[in-house]
């Protein structure tokens, strides 16, 4: 699937410089950034879900430990 990504002039210039610094294409750098963003936020959502489900189970013990 393809898409058009519109960047501000400053964003495009920063991406161009980063890609040149890494000797990679702007597209490669942008695609990696998207993959990392999705992976990071997927992990964060999973952690939030687990904490929401498990913390109440241990709330009393955690409270005692905090005293």
C-alpha atoms as a PDB file:
ATOM      1  CA  UNK A   1       0.000   0.000   0.000  1.00  0.00           C
ATOM      2  CA  UNK A   2       1.337   3.422  -0.800  1.00  0.00           C
ATOM      3  CA  UNK A   3       0.671   6.787   0.772  1.00  0.00           C
ATOM      4  CA  UNK A   4       1.764  10.369   0.494  1.00  0.00           C
ATOM      5  CA  UNK A   5       3.493  11.900   3.492  1.00  0.00           C
ATOM      6  CA  UNK A   6       3.472  15.671   3.635  1.00  0.00           C
ATOM      7  CA  UNK A   7       6.209  17.206   5.731  1.00  0.00           C
ATOM      8  CA  UNK A   8       6.956  20.800   6.582  1.00  0.00           C
ATOM      9  CA  UNK A   9      10.077  22.245   5.021  1.00  0.00           C
ATOM     10  CA  UNK A  10      11.890  21.897   8.357  1.00  0.00           C
ATOM     11  CA  UNK A  11      10.812  18.265   8.764  1.00  0.00           C
ATOM     12  CA  UNK A  12      11.839  17.400   5.216  1.00  0.00           C
ATOM     13  CA  UNK A  13      15.226  19.047   5.683  1.00  0.00           C
ATOM     14  CA  UNK A  14      15.811  17.235   8.984  1.00  0.00           C
ATOM     15  CA  UNK A  15      14.883  13.932   7.344  1.00  0.00           C
ATOM     16  CA  UNK A  16      17.139  14.668   4.379  1.00  0.00           C
ATOM     17  CA  UNK A  17      20.086  15.434   6.688  1.00  0.00           C
ATOM     18  CA  UNK A  18      19.479  12.326   8.817  1.00  0.00           C
ATOM     19  CA  UNK A  19      19.259  10.123   5.722  1.00  0.00           C
ATOM     20  CA  UNK A  20      22.433  11.618   4.261  1.00  0.00           C
ATOM     21  CA  UNK A  21      24.245  11.163   7.584  1.00  0.00           C
ATOM     22  CA  UNK A  22      23.273   7.466   7.588  1.00  0.00           C
ATOM     23  CA  UNK A  23      23.869   7.020   3.830  1.00  0.00           C
ATOM     24  CA  UNK A  24      20.286   5.851   3.454  1.00  0.00           C
ATOM     25  CA  UNK A  25      17.283   7.046   1.525  1.00  0.00           C
ATOM     26  CA  UNK A  26      14.769   9.364   3.122  1.00  0.00           C
ATOM     27  CA  UNK A  27      12.134   6.697   2.522  1.00  0.00           C
ATOM     28  CA  UNK A  28      14.139   4.069   4.419  1.00  0.00           C
ATOM     29  CA  UNK A  29      14.619   6.387   7.392  1.00  0.00           C
ATOM     30  CA  UNK A  30      10.932   7.369   7.453  1.00  0.00           C
ATOM     31  CA  UNK A  31       9.767   3.741   7.170  1.00  0.00           C
ATOM     32  CA  UNK A  32      12.045   2.715  10.045  1.00  0.00           C
ATOM     33  CA  UNK A  33      10.676   5.570  12.151  1.00  0.00           C
ATOM     34  CA  UNK A  34       7.117   4.389  11.508  1.00  0.00           C
ATOM     35  CA  UNK A  35       8.014   0.795  12.434  1.00  0.00           C
ATOM     36  CA  UNK A  36       9.696   1.924  15.656  1.00  0.00           C
ATOM     37  CA  UNK A  37       6.747   4.167  16.551  1.00  0.00           C
ATOM     38  CA  UNK A  38       4.213   1.382  16.053  1.00  0.00           C
ATOM     39  CA  UNK A  39       6.331  -1.146  17.978  1.00  0.00           C
ATOM     40  CA  UNK A  40       6.923   1.244  20.888  1.00  0.00           C
ATOM     41  CA  UNK A  41       3.269   2.197  21.231  1.00  0.00           C
ATOM     42  CA  UNK A  42       2.095  -1.399  20.850  1.00  0.00           C
ATOM     43  CA  UNK A  43       4.353  -2.413  23.753  1.00  0.00           C
ATOM     44  CA  UNK A  44       3.188   0.535  25.849  1.00  0.00           C
ATOM     45  CA  UNK A  45      -0.469  -0.373  25.263  1.00  0.00           C
ATOM     46  CA  UNK A  46       0.190  -3.994  26.217  1.00  0.00           C
ATOM     47  CA  UNK A  47       1.986  -2.934  29.400  1.00  0.00           C
ATOM     48  CA  UNK A  48      -0.849  -0.549  30.304  1.00  0.00           C
ATOM     49  CA  UNK A  49      -3.415  -3.308  29.776  1.00  0.00           C
ATOM     50  CA  UNK A  50      -1.473  -5.809  31.908  1.00  0.00           C
ATOM     51  CA  UNK A  51      -0.989  -3.254  34.679  1.00  0.00           C
ATOM     52  CA  UNK A  52      -4.685  -2.327  34.634  1.00  0.00           C
ATOM     53  CA  UNK A  53      -5.604  -5.997  34.995  1.00  0.00           C
ATOM     54  CA  UNK A  54      -2.947  -7.099  37.499  1.00  0.00           C
ATOM     55  CA  UNK A  55      -2.344  -4.136  39.819  1.00  0.00           C
ATOM     56  CA  UNK A  56      -5.731  -4.366  41.540  1.00  0.00           C
ATOM     57  CA  UNK A  57      -4.938  -7.970  42.455  1.00  0.00           C
ATOM     58  CA  UNK A  58      -1.817  -6.896  44.321  1.00  0.00           C
ATOM     59  CA  UNK A  59      -2.995  -3.494  45.567  1.00  0.00           C
ATOM     60  CA  UNK A  60      -3.126  -4.496  49.231  1.00  0.00           C
ATOM     61  CA  UNK A  61       0.349  -6.045  49.191  1.00  0.00           C
ATOM     62  CA  UNK A  62       1.786  -3.052  47.339  1.00  0.00           C
ATOM     63  CA  UNK A  63       0.237  -0.690  49.837  1.00  0.00           C
ATOM     64  CA  UNK A  64       1.763  -2.634  52.750  1.00  0.00           C
ATOM     65  CA  UNK A  65       5.168  -2.597  51.038  1.00  0.00           C
ATOM     66  CA  UNK A  66       4.920   1.168  50.653  1.00  0.00           C
ATOM     67  CA  UNK A  67       4.521   1.686  54.405  1.00  0.00           C
END
